[in-house]
Every structure is written in C-alpha cells, then in structure tokens.
C-alpha cells in the first residue's frame, strides 16, 4: 500500500502538469498538441 500509494500520487502530479500544458497549448492555440497532452493526462 505504501509503494503503490507513492507511485499513484507521483503519476497524478504528472497528470496535473500535463493538464496545465494542454490548457496552455489550447490557448496559444496549438490544438493538435493540446489533444496529445489530454491523452497523456488520461494515460497517467
């Protein structure tokens, strides 16, 4: 439980960073790469 919780928290923080990147790309706008960042967020 300790190790799985640690790595789950780490991947969720990475998902939060990729979500921020997707918002930034959509606002620039670079729509295709924003979609890629959303896919990466979902995977994490």
ModelCIF file with pLDDT and N, C-alpha, C, O atoms, coordinates in Angstrom:
data_MODEL
#
_entry.id   MODEL 
#
_entity.id                         1 
_entity.type                       polymer 
_entity.pdbx_number_of_molecules   1 
#
_entity_poly.entity_id                      1 
_entity_poly.type                           'polypeptide(L)' 
_entity_poly.nstd_linkage                   no 
_entity_poly.nstd_monomer                   no 
_entity_poly.pdbx_seq_one_letter_code       
;(UNK)(UNK)(UNK)(UNK)(UNK)(UNK)(UNK)(UNK)(UNK)(UNK)(UNK)(UNK)(UNK)(UNK)(UNK)(UNK)
(UNK)(UNK)(UNK)(UNK)(UNK)(UNK)(UNK)(UNK)(UNK)(UNK)(UNK)(UNK)(UNK)(UNK)(UNK)(UNK)
(UNK)(UNK)(UNK)(UNK)(UNK)(UNK)(UNK)(UNK)(UNK)(UNK)(UNK)(UNK)
;
_entity_poly.pdbx_seq_one_letter_code_can   XXXXXXXXXXXXXXXXXXXXXXXXXXXXXXXXXXXXXXXXXXXX 
_entity_poly.pdbx_strand_id                 A 
#
loop_
_entity_poly_seq.entity_id 
_entity_poly_seq.num 
_entity_poly_seq.mon_id 
_entity_poly_seq.hetero 
1 1  UNK n 
1 2  UNK n 
1 3  UNK n 
1 4  UNK n 
1 5  UNK n 
1 6  UNK n 
1 7  UNK n 
1 8  UNK n 
1 9  UNK n 
1 10 UNK n 
1 11 UNK n 
1 12 UNK n 
1 13 UNK n 
1 14 UNK n 
1 15 UNK n 
1 16 UNK n 
1 17 UNK n 
1 18 UNK n 
1 19 UNK n 
1 20 UNK n 
1 21 UNK n 
1 22 UNK n 
1 23 UNK n 
1 24 UNK n 
1 25 UNK n 
1 26 UNK n 
1 27 UNK n 
1 28 UNK n 
1 29 UNK n 
1 30 UNK n 
1 31 UNK n 
1 32 UNK n 
1 33 UNK n 
1 34 UNK n 
1 35 UNK n 
1 36 UNK n 
1 37 UNK n 
1 38 UNK n 
1 39 UNK n 
1 40 UNK n 
1 41 UNK n 
1 42 UNK n 
1 43 UNK n 
1 44 UNK n 
#
_struct_asym.id          A 
_struct_asym.entity_id   1 
#
loop_
_ma_qa_metric.id 
_ma_qa_metric.mode 
_ma_qa_metric.name 
_ma_qa_metric.software_group_id 
_ma_qa_metric.type 
1 global pLDDT . pLDDT 
2 local  pLDDT . pLDDT 
#
_ma_qa_metric_global.metric_id      1 
_ma_qa_metric_global.metric_value   91.23 
_ma_qa_metric_global.model_id       1 
_ma_qa_metric_global.ordinal_id     1 
#
loop_
_ma_qa_metric_local.label_asym_id 
_ma_qa_metric_local.label_comp_id 
_ma_qa_metric_local.label_seq_id 
_ma_qa_metric_local.metric_id 
_ma_qa_metric_local.metric_value 
_ma_qa_metric_local.model_id 
_ma_qa_metric_local.ordinal_id 
A UNK 1  2 90.00 1 1  
A UNK 2  2 90.00 1 2  
A UNK 3  2 91.00 1 3  
A UNK 4  2 91.00 1 4  
A UNK 5  2 91.00 1 5  
A UNK 6  2 92.00 1 6  
A UNK 7  2 92.00 1 7  
A UNK 8  2 93.00 1 8  
A UNK 9  2 92.00 1 9  
A UNK 10 2 93.00 1 10 
A UNK 11 2 95.00 1 11 
A UNK 12 2 94.00 1 12 
A UNK 13 2 94.00 1 13 
A UNK 14 2 95.00 1 14 
A UNK 15 2 94.00 1 15 
A UNK 16 2 94.00 1 16 
A UNK 17 2 94.00 1 17 
A UNK 18 2 94.00 1 18 
A UNK 19 2 93.00 1 19 
A UNK 20 2 93.00 1 20 
A UNK 21 2 93.00 1 21 
A UNK 22 2 91.00 1 22 
A UNK 23 2 90.00 1 23 
A UNK 24 2 90.00 1 24 
A UNK 25 2 89.00 1 25 
A UNK 26 2 87.00 1 26 
A UNK 27 2 83.00 1 27 
A UNK 28 2 82.00 1 28 
A UNK 29 2 76.00 1 29 
A UNK 30 2 82.00 1 30 
A UNK 31 2 86.00 1 31 
A UNK 32 2 89.00 1 32 
A UNK 33 2 91.00 1 33 
A UNK 34 2 89.00 1 34 
A UNK 35 2 90.00 1 35 
A UNK 36 2 94.00 1 36 
A UNK 37 2 94.00 1 37 
A UNK 38 2 93.00 1 38 
A UNK 39 2 94.00 1 39 
A UNK 40 2 95.00 1 40 
A UNK 41 2 95.00 1 41 
A UNK 42 2 95.00 1 42 
A UNK 43 2 96.00 1 43 
A UNK 44 2 95.00 1 44 
#
loop_
_atom_site.group_PDB 
_atom_site.id 
_atom_site.type_symbol 
_atom_site.label_atom_id 
_atom_site.label_alt_id 
_atom_site.label_comp_id 
_atom_site.label_asym_id 
_atom_site.label_entity_id 
_atom_site.label_seq_id 
_atom_site.pdbx_PDB_ins_code 
_atom_site.Cartn_x 
_atom_site.Cartn_y 
_atom_site.Cartn_z 
_atom_site.occupancy 
_atom_site.B_iso_or_equiv 
_atom_site.pdbx_formal_charge 
_atom_site.auth_seq_id 
_atom_site.auth_comp_id 
_atom_site.auth_asym_id 
_atom_site.auth_atom_id 
_atom_site.pdbx_PDB_model_num 
ATOM 1   N N  . UNK A 1 1  ? 0.828  -1.202 0.000   1.00 90.00 ? 1  UNK A N  1 
ATOM 2   C CA . UNK A 1 1  ? 0.000  0.000  0.000   1.00 90.00 ? 1  UNK A CA 1 
ATOM 3   C C  . UNK A 1 1  ? 0.866  1.258  0.000   1.00 90.00 ? 1  UNK A C  1 
ATOM 4   O O  . UNK A 1 1  ? 0.529  2.247  -0.650  1.00 90.00 ? 1  UNK A O  1 
ATOM 5   N N  . UNK A 1 2  ? 1.957  1.221  0.713   1.00 90.00 ? 2  UNK A N  1 
ATOM 6   C CA . UNK A 1 2  ? 2.814  2.407  0.786   1.00 90.00 ? 2  UNK A CA 1 
ATOM 7   C C  . UNK A 1 2  ? 3.434  2.721  -0.560  1.00 90.00 ? 2  UNK A C  1 
ATOM 8   O O  . UNK A 1 2  ? 3.398  3.869  -1.003  1.00 90.00 ? 2  UNK A O  1 
ATOM 9   N N  . UNK A 1 3  ? 4.010  1.706  -1.227  1.00 91.00 ? 3  UNK A N  1 
ATOM 10  C CA . UNK A 1 3  ? 4.674  1.935  -2.504  1.00 91.00 ? 3  UNK A CA 1 
ATOM 11  C C  . UNK A 1 3  ? 3.668  2.282  -3.598  1.00 91.00 ? 3  UNK A C  1 
ATOM 12  O O  . UNK A 1 3  ? 3.905  3.190  -4.394  1.00 91.00 ? 3  UNK A O  1 
ATOM 13  N N  . UNK A 1 4  ? 2.547  1.562  -3.640  1.00 91.00 ? 4  UNK A N  1 
ATOM 14  C CA . UNK A 1 4  ? 1.546  1.856  -4.670  1.00 91.00 ? 4  UNK A CA 1 
ATOM 15  C C  . UNK A 1 4  ? 0.950  3.237  -4.480  1.00 91.00 ? 4  UNK A C  1 
ATOM 16  O O  . UNK A 1 4  ? 0.700  3.938  -5.461  1.00 91.00 ? 4  UNK A O  1 
ATOM 17  N N  . UNK A 1 5  ? 0.716  3.645  -3.236  1.00 91.00 ? 5  UNK A N  1 
ATOM 18  C CA . UNK A 1 5  ? 0.206  4.989  -2.985  1.00 91.00 ? 5  UNK A CA 1 
ATOM 19  C C  . UNK A 1 5  ? 1.200  6.060  -3.387  1.00 91.00 ? 5  UNK A C  1 
ATOM 20  O O  . UNK A 1 5  ? 0.812  7.108  -3.904  1.00 91.00 ? 5  UNK A O  1 
ATOM 21  N N  . UNK A 1 6  ? 2.489  5.804  -3.154  1.00 92.00 ? 6  UNK A N  1 
ATOM 22  C CA . UNK A 1 6  ? 3.515  6.778  -3.531  1.00 92.00 ? 6  UNK A CA 1 
ATOM 23  C C  . UNK A 1 6  ? 3.568  6.967  -5.050  1.00 92.00 ? 6  UNK A C  1 
ATOM 24  O O  . UNK A 1 6  ? 3.599  8.100  -5.531  1.00 92.00 ? 6  UNK A O  1 
ATOM 25  N N  . UNK A 1 7  ? 3.579  5.874  -5.799  1.00 92.00 ? 7  UNK A N  1 
ATOM 26  C CA . UNK A 1 7  ? 3.666  5.986  -7.252  1.00 92.00 ? 7  UNK A CA 1 
ATOM 27  C C  . UNK A 1 7  ? 2.360  6.496  -7.856  1.00 92.00 ? 7  UNK A C  1 
ATOM 28  O O  . UNK A 1 7  ? 2.381  7.189  -8.872  1.00 92.00 ? 7  UNK A O  1 
ATOM 29  N N  . UNK A 1 8  ? 1.233  6.162  -7.245  1.00 93.00 ? 8  UNK A N  1 
ATOM 30  C CA . UNK A 1 8  ? -0.029 6.714  -7.727  1.00 93.00 ? 8  UNK A CA 1 
ATOM 31  C C  . UNK A 1 8  ? -0.071 8.225  -7.543  1.00 93.00 ? 8  UNK A C  1 
ATOM 32  O O  . UNK A 1 8  ? -0.527 8.945  -8.431  1.00 93.00 ? 8  UNK A O  1 
ATOM 33  N N  . UNK A 1 9  ? 0.403  8.712  -6.395  1.00 92.00 ? 9  UNK A N  1 
ATOM 34  C CA . UNK A 1 9  ? 0.460  10.153 -6.164  1.00 92.00 ? 9  UNK A CA 1 
ATOM 35  C C  . UNK A 1 9  ? 1.416  10.825 -7.151  1.00 92.00 ? 9  UNK A C  1 
ATOM 36  O O  . UNK A 1 9  ? 1.130  11.916 -7.644  1.00 92.00 ? 9  UNK A O  1 
ATOM 37  N N  . UNK A 1 10 ? 2.548  10.181 -7.442  1.00 93.00 ? 10 UNK A N  1 
ATOM 38  C CA . UNK A 1 10 ? 3.515  10.749 -8.375  1.00 93.00 ? 10 UNK A CA 1 
ATOM 39  C C  . UNK A 1 10 ? 2.927  10.874 -9.778  1.00 93.00 ? 10 UNK A C  1 
ATOM 40  O O  . UNK A 1 10 ? 3.094  11.906 -10.427 1.00 93.00 ? 10 UNK A O  1 
ATOM 41  N N  . UNK A 1 11 ? 2.244  9.840  -10.248 1.00 95.00 ? 11 UNK A N  1 
ATOM 42  C CA . UNK A 1 11 ? 1.644  9.899  -11.584 1.00 95.00 ? 11 UNK A CA 1 
ATOM 43  C C  . UNK A 1 11 ? 0.515  10.921 -11.638 1.00 95.00 ? 11 UNK A C  1 
ATOM 44  O O  . UNK A 1 11 ? 0.301  11.539 -12.681 1.00 95.00 ? 11 UNK A O  1 
ATOM 45  N N  . UNK A 1 12 ? -0.206 11.112 -10.548 1.00 94.00 ? 12 UNK A N  1 
ATOM 46  C CA . UNK A 1 12 ? -1.260 12.122 -10.539 1.00 94.00 ? 12 UNK A CA 1 
ATOM 47  C C  . UNK A 1 12 ? -0.681 13.532 -10.605 1.00 94.00 ? 12 UNK A C  1 
ATOM 48  O O  . UNK A 1 12 ? -1.256 14.405 -11.255 1.00 94.00 ? 12 UNK A O  1 
ATOM 49  N N  . UNK A 1 13 ? 0.456  13.766 -9.936  1.00 94.00 ? 13 UNK A N  1 
ATOM 50  C CA . UNK A 1 13 ? 1.107  15.067 -10.066 1.00 94.00 ? 13 UNK A CA 1 
ATOM 51  C C  . UNK A 1 13 ? 1.588  15.293 -11.495 1.00 94.00 ? 13 UNK A C  1 
ATOM 52  O O  . UNK A 1 13 ? 1.503  16.409 -12.009 1.00 94.00 ? 13 UNK A O  1 
ATOM 53  N N  . UNK A 1 14 ? 2.084  14.255 -12.132 1.00 95.00 ? 14 UNK A N  1 
ATOM 54  C CA . UNK A 1 14 ? 2.479  14.379 -13.536 1.00 95.00 ? 14 UNK A CA 1 
ATOM 55  C C  . UNK A 1 14 ? 1.265  14.659 -14.420 1.00 95.00 ? 14 UNK A C  1 
ATOM 56  O O  . UNK A 1 14 ? 1.346  15.435 -15.373 1.00 95.00 ? 14 UNK A O  1 
ATOM 57  N N  . UNK A 1 15 ? 0.131  14.015 -14.094 1.00 94.00 ? 15 UNK A N  1 
ATOM 58  C CA . UNK A 1 15 ? -1.093 14.278 -14.851 1.00 94.00 ? 15 UNK A CA 1 
ATOM 59  C C  . UNK A 1 15 ? -1.543 15.721 -14.689 1.00 94.00 ? 15 UNK A C  1 
ATOM 60  O O  . UNK A 1 15 ? -2.058 16.324 -15.631 1.00 94.00 ? 15 UNK A O  1 
ATOM 61  N N  . UNK A 1 16 ? -1.351 16.277 -13.499 1.00 94.00 ? 16 UNK A N  1 
ATOM 62  C CA . UNK A 1 16 ? -1.708 17.681 -13.289 1.00 94.00 ? 16 UNK A CA 1 
ATOM 63  C C  . UNK A 1 16 ? -0.834 18.596 -14.151 1.00 94.00 ? 16 UNK A C  1 
ATOM 64  O O  . UNK A 1 16 ? -1.322 19.588 -14.692 1.00 94.00 ? 16 UNK A O  1 
ATOM 65  N N  . UNK A 1 17 ? 0.453  18.266 -14.279 1.00 94.00 ? 17 UNK A N  1 
ATOM 66  C CA . UNK A 1 17 ? 1.359  19.072 -15.111 1.00 94.00 ? 17 UNK A CA 1 
ATOM 67  C C  . UNK A 1 17 ? 0.978  18.974 -16.588 1.00 94.00 ? 17 UNK A C  1 
ATOM 68  O O  . UNK A 1 17 ? 0.983  19.982 -17.294 1.00 94.00 ? 17 UNK A O  1 
ATOM 69  N N  . UNK A 1 18 ? 0.649  17.776 -17.062 1.00 94.00 ? 18 UNK A N  1 
ATOM 70  C CA . UNK A 1 18 ? 0.247  17.637 -18.462 1.00 94.00 ? 18 UNK A CA 1 
ATOM 71  C C  . UNK A 1 18 ? -1.085 18.329 -18.725 1.00 94.00 ? 18 UNK A C  1 
ATOM 72  O O  . UNK A 1 18 ? -1.311 18.834 -19.824 1.00 94.00 ? 18 UNK A O  1 
ATOM 73  N N  . UNK A 1 19 ? -1.965 18.357 -17.734 1.00 93.00 ? 19 UNK A N  1 
ATOM 74  C CA . UNK A 1 19 ? -3.223 19.109 -17.896 1.00 93.00 ? 19 UNK A CA 1 
ATOM 75  C C  . UNK A 1 19 ? -2.939 20.599 -18.057 1.00 93.00 ? 19 UNK A C  1 
ATOM 76  O O  . UNK A 1 19 ? -3.554 21.259 -18.895 1.00 93.00 ? 19 UNK A O  1 
ATOM 77  N N  . UNK A 1 20 ? -2.013 21.135 -17.260 1.00 93.00 ? 20 UNK A N  1 
ATOM 78  C CA . UNK A 1 20 ? -1.639 22.548 -17.404 1.00 93.00 ? 20 UNK A CA 1 
ATOM 79  C C  . UNK A 1 20 ? -1.058 22.814 -18.800 1.00 93.00 ? 20 UNK A C  1 
ATOM 80  O O  . UNK A 1 20 ? -1.357 23.840 -19.411 1.00 93.00 ? 20 UNK A O  1 
ATOM 81  N N  . UNK A 1 21 ? -0.234 21.895 -19.300 1.00 93.00 ? 21 UNK A N  1 
ATOM 82  C CA . UNK A 1 21 ? 0.322  22.069 -20.638 1.00 93.00 ? 21 UNK A CA 1 
ATOM 83  C C  . UNK A 1 21 ? -0.770 22.046 -21.705 1.00 93.00 ? 21 UNK A C  1 
ATOM 84  O O  . UNK A 1 21 ? -0.708 22.802 -22.674 1.00 93.00 ? 21 UNK A O  1 
ATOM 85  N N  . UNK A 1 22 ? -1.770 21.179 -21.528 1.00 91.00 ? 22 UNK A N  1 
ATOM 86  C CA . UNK A 1 22 ? -2.858 21.134 -22.503 1.00 91.00 ? 22 UNK A CA 1 
ATOM 87  C C  . UNK A 1 22 ? -3.641 22.440 -22.515 1.00 91.00 ? 22 UNK A C  1 
ATOM 88  O O  . UNK A 1 22 ? -4.015 22.923 -23.583 1.00 91.00 ? 22 UNK A O  1 
ATOM 89  N N  . UNK A 1 23 ? -3.897 23.022 -21.334 1.00 90.00 ? 23 UNK A N  1 
ATOM 90  C CA . UNK A 1 23 ? -4.590 24.306 -21.279 1.00 90.00 ? 23 UNK A CA 1 
ATOM 91  C C  . UNK A 1 23 ? -3.768 25.384 -21.972 1.00 90.00 ? 23 UNK A C  1 
ATOM 92  O O  . UNK A 1 23 ? -4.316 26.228 -22.680 1.00 90.00 ? 23 UNK A O  1 
ATOM 93  N N  . UNK A 1 24 ? -2.453 25.356 -21.768 1.00 90.00 ? 24 UNK A N  1 
ATOM 94  C CA . UNK A 1 24 ? -1.578 26.344 -22.401 1.00 90.00 ? 24 UNK A CA 1 
ATOM 95  C C  . UNK A 1 24 ? -1.577 26.188 -23.917 1.00 90.00 ? 24 UNK A C  1 
ATOM 96  O O  . UNK A 1 24 ? -1.626 27.182 -24.642 1.00 90.00 ? 24 UNK A O  1 
ATOM 97  N N  . UNK A 1 25 ? -1.521 24.952 -24.402 1.00 89.00 ? 25 UNK A N  1 
ATOM 98  C CA . UNK A 1 25 ? -1.497 24.717 -25.841 1.00 89.00 ? 25 UNK A CA 1 
ATOM 99  C C  . UNK A 1 25 ? -2.826 25.079 -26.496 1.00 89.00 ? 25 UNK A C  1 
ATOM 100 O O  . UNK A 1 25 ? -2.846 25.580 -27.620 1.00 89.00 ? 25 UNK A O  1 
ATOM 101 N N  . UNK A 1 26 ? -3.920 24.832 -25.811 1.00 87.00 ? 26 UNK A N  1 
ATOM 102 C CA . UNK A 1 26 ? -5.221 25.199 -26.365 1.00 87.00 ? 26 UNK A CA 1 
ATOM 103 C C  . UNK A 1 26 ? -5.410 26.710 -26.429 1.00 87.00 ? 26 UNK A C  1 
ATOM 104 O O  . UNK A 1 26 ? -6.128 27.207 -27.296 1.00 87.00 ? 26 UNK A O  1 
ATOM 105 N N  . UNK A 1 27 ? -4.778 27.435 -25.531 1.00 83.00 ? 27 UNK A N  1 
ATOM 106 C CA . UNK A 1 27 ? -4.931 28.886 -25.514 1.00 83.00 ? 27 UNK A CA 1 
ATOM 107 C C  . UNK A 1 27 ? -3.983 29.575 -26.491 1.00 83.00 ? 27 UNK A C  1 
ATOM 108 O O  . UNK A 1 27 ? -4.174 30.757 -26.777 1.00 83.00 ? 27 UNK A O  1 
ATOM 109 N N  . UNK A 1 28 ? -2.965 28.883 -27.015 1.00 82.00 ? 28 UNK A N  1 
ATOM 110 C CA . UNK A 1 28 ? -1.981 29.569 -27.856 1.00 82.00 ? 28 UNK A CA 1 
ATOM 111 C C  . UNK A 1 28 ? -2.455 29.982 -29.256 1.00 82.00 ? 28 UNK A C  1 
ATOM 112 O O  . UNK A 1 28 ? -2.067 31.080 -29.655 1.00 82.00 ? 28 UNK A O  1 
ATOM 113 N N  . UNK A 1 29 ? -3.235 29.254 -30.044 1.00 76.00 ? 29 UNK A N  1 
ATOM 114 C CA . UNK A 1 29 ? -3.714 27.890 -29.872 1.00 76.00 ? 29 UNK A CA 1 
ATOM 115 C C  . UNK A 1 29 ? -2.939 26.894 -30.743 1.00 76.00 ? 29 UNK A C  1 
ATOM 116 O O  . UNK A 1 29 ? -2.692 27.141 -31.924 1.00 76.00 ? 29 UNK A O  1 
ATOM 117 N N  . UNK A 1 30 ? -2.564 25.769 -30.136 1.00 82.00 ? 30 UNK A N  1 
ATOM 118 C CA . UNK A 1 30 ? -1.955 24.646 -30.863 1.00 82.00 ? 30 UNK A CA 1 
ATOM 119 C C  . UNK A 1 30 ? -2.809 23.433 -30.513 1.00 82.00 ? 30 UNK A C  1 
ATOM 120 O O  . UNK A 1 30 ? -2.506 22.687 -29.582 1.00 82.00 ? 30 UNK A O  1 
ATOM 121 N N  . UNK A 1 31 ? -3.881 23.252 -31.276 1.00 86.00 ? 31 UNK A N  1 
ATOM 122 C CA . UNK A 1 31 ? -4.945 22.331 -30.871 1.00 86.00 ? 31 UNK A CA 1 
ATOM 123 C C  . UNK A 1 31 ? -4.500 20.874 -30.913 1.00 86.00 ? 31 UNK A C  1 
ATOM 124 O O  . UNK A 1 31 ? -4.842 20.102 -30.017 1.00 86.00 ? 31 UNK A O  1 
ATOM 125 N N  . UNK A 1 32 ? -3.753 20.492 -31.924 1.00 89.00 ? 32 UNK A N  1 
ATOM 126 C CA . UNK A 1 32 ? -3.365 19.090 -32.051 1.00 89.00 ? 32 UNK A CA 1 
ATOM 127 C C  . UNK A 1 32 ? -2.505 18.647 -30.877 1.00 89.00 ? 32 UNK A C  1 
ATOM 128 O O  . UNK A 1 32 ? -2.742 17.581 -30.310 1.00 89.00 ? 32 UNK A O  1 
ATOM 129 N N  . UNK A 1 33 ? -1.515 19.442 -30.505 1.00 91.00 ? 33 UNK A N  1 
ATOM 130 C CA . UNK A 1 33 ? -0.646 19.064 -29.393 1.00 91.00 ? 33 UNK A CA 1 
ATOM 131 C C  . UNK A 1 33 ? -1.381 19.173 -28.055 1.00 91.00 ? 33 UNK A C  1 
ATOM 132 O O  . UNK A 1 33 ? -1.044 18.463 -27.107 1.00 91.00 ? 33 UNK A O  1 
ATOM 133 N N  . UNK A 1 34 ? -2.377 20.050 -27.971 1.00 89.00 ? 34 UNK A N  1 
ATOM 134 C CA . UNK A 1 34 ? -3.228 20.057 -26.786 1.00 89.00 ? 34 UNK A CA 1 
ATOM 135 C C  . UNK A 1 34 ? -3.996 18.756 -26.634 1.00 89.00 ? 34 UNK A C  1 
ATOM 136 O O  . UNK A 1 34 ? -4.169 18.259 -25.520 1.00 89.00 ? 34 UNK A O  1 
ATOM 137 N N  . UNK A 1 35 ? -4.458 18.199 -27.752 1.00 90.00 ? 35 UNK A N  1 
ATOM 138 C CA . UNK A 1 35 ? -5.106 16.880 -27.706 1.00 90.00 ? 35 UNK A CA 1 
ATOM 139 C C  . UNK A 1 35 ? -4.156 15.789 -27.268 1.00 90.00 ? 35 UNK A C  1 
ATOM 140 O O  . UNK A 1 35 ? -4.537 14.888 -26.522 1.00 90.00 ? 35 UNK A O  1 
ATOM 141 N N  . UNK A 1 36 ? -2.910 15.865 -27.732 1.00 94.00 ? 36 UNK A N  1 
ATOM 142 C CA . UNK A 1 36 ? -1.914 14.880 -27.289 1.00 94.00 ? 36 UNK A CA 1 
ATOM 143 C C  . UNK A 1 36 ? -1.681 14.973 -25.775 1.00 94.00 ? 36 UNK A C  1 
ATOM 144 O O  . UNK A 1 36 ? -1.538 13.950 -25.105 1.00 94.00 ? 36 UNK A O  1 
ATOM 145 N N  . UNK A 1 37 ? -1.645 16.180 -25.246 1.00 94.00 ? 37 UNK A N  1 
ATOM 146 C CA . UNK A 1 37 ? -1.438 16.353 -23.810 1.00 94.00 ? 37 UNK A CA 1 
ATOM 147 C C  . UNK A 1 37 ? -2.626 15.812 -23.011 1.00 94.00 ? 37 UNK A C  1 
ATOM 148 O O  . UNK A 1 37 ? -2.448 15.272 -21.919 1.00 94.00 ? 37 UNK A O  1 
ATOM 149 N N  . UNK A 1 38 ? -3.834 15.957 -23.555 1.00 93.00 ? 38 UNK A N  1 
ATOM 150 C CA . UNK A 1 38 ? -5.000 15.373 -22.882 1.00 93.00 ? 38 UNK A CA 1 
ATOM 151 C C  . UNK A 1 38 ? -4.920 13.852 -22.871 1.00 93.00 ? 38 UNK A C  1 
ATOM 152 O O  . UNK A 1 38 ? -5.278 13.216 -21.879 1.00 93.00 ? 38 UNK A O  1 
ATOM 153 N N  . UNK A 1 39 ? -4.453 13.270 -23.967 1.00 94.00 ? 39 UNK A N  1 
ATOM 154 C CA . UNK A 1 39 ? -4.268 11.812 -23.991 1.00 94.00 ? 39 UNK A CA 1 
ATOM 155 C C  . UNK A 1 39 ? -3.230 11.373 -22.964 1.00 94.00 ? 39 UNK A C  1 
ATOM 156 O O  . UNK A 1 39 ? -3.416 10.361 -22.289 1.00 94.00 ? 39 UNK A O  1 
ATOM 157 N N  . UNK A 1 40 ? -2.152 12.120 -22.844 1.00 95.00 ? 40 UNK A N  1 
ATOM 158 C CA . UNK A 1 40 ? -1.136 11.788 -21.852 1.00 95.00 ? 40 UNK A CA 1 
ATOM 159 C C  . UNK A 1 40 ? -1.677 11.941 -20.438 1.00 95.00 ? 40 UNK A C  1 
ATOM 160 O O  . UNK A 1 40 ? -1.350 11.142 -19.561 1.00 95.00 ? 40 UNK A O  1 
ATOM 161 N N  . UNK A 1 41 ? -2.501 12.957 -20.207 1.00 95.00 ? 41 UNK A N  1 
ATOM 162 C CA . UNK A 1 41 ? -3.142 13.115 -18.893 1.00 95.00 ? 41 UNK A CA 1 
ATOM 163 C C  . UNK A 1 41 ? -4.017 11.920 -18.562 1.00 95.00 ? 41 UNK A C  1 
ATOM 164 O O  . UNK A 1 41 ? -3.984 11.414 -17.440 1.00 95.00 ? 41 UNK A O  1 
ATOM 165 N N  . UNK A 1 42 ? -4.801 11.468 -19.535 1.00 95.00 ? 42 UNK A N  1 
ATOM 166 C CA . UNK A 1 42 ? -5.651 10.303 -19.316 1.00 95.00 ? 42 UNK A CA 1 
ATOM 167 C C  . UNK A 1 42 ? -4.823 9.055  -19.017 1.00 95.00 ? 42 UNK A C  1 
ATOM 168 O O  . UNK A 1 42 ? -5.168 8.272  -18.132 1.00 95.00 ? 42 UNK A O  1 
ATOM 169 N N  . UNK A 1 43 ? -3.727 8.875  -19.761 1.00 96.00 ? 43 UNK A N  1 
ATOM 170 C CA . UNK A 1 43 ? -2.879 7.697  -19.545 1.00 96.00 ? 43 UNK A CA 1 
ATOM 171 C C  . UNK A 1 43 ? -2.278 7.696  -18.146 1.00 96.00 ? 43 UNK A C  1 
ATOM 172 O O  . UNK A 1 43 ? -2.229 6.652  -17.497 1.00 96.00 ? 43 UNK A O  1 
ATOM 173 N N  . UNK A 1 44 ? -1.821 8.850  -17.674 1.00 95.00 ? 44 UNK A N  1 
ATOM 174 C CA . UNK A 1 44 ? -1.230 8.925  -16.337 1.00 95.00 ? 44 UNK A CA 1 
ATOM 175 C C  . UNK A 1 44 ? -2.267 8.654  -15.252 1.00 95.00 ? 44 UNK A C  1 
ATOM 176 O O  . UNK A 1 44 ? -1.940 8.677  -14.065 1.00 95.00 ? 44 UNK A O  1 
#
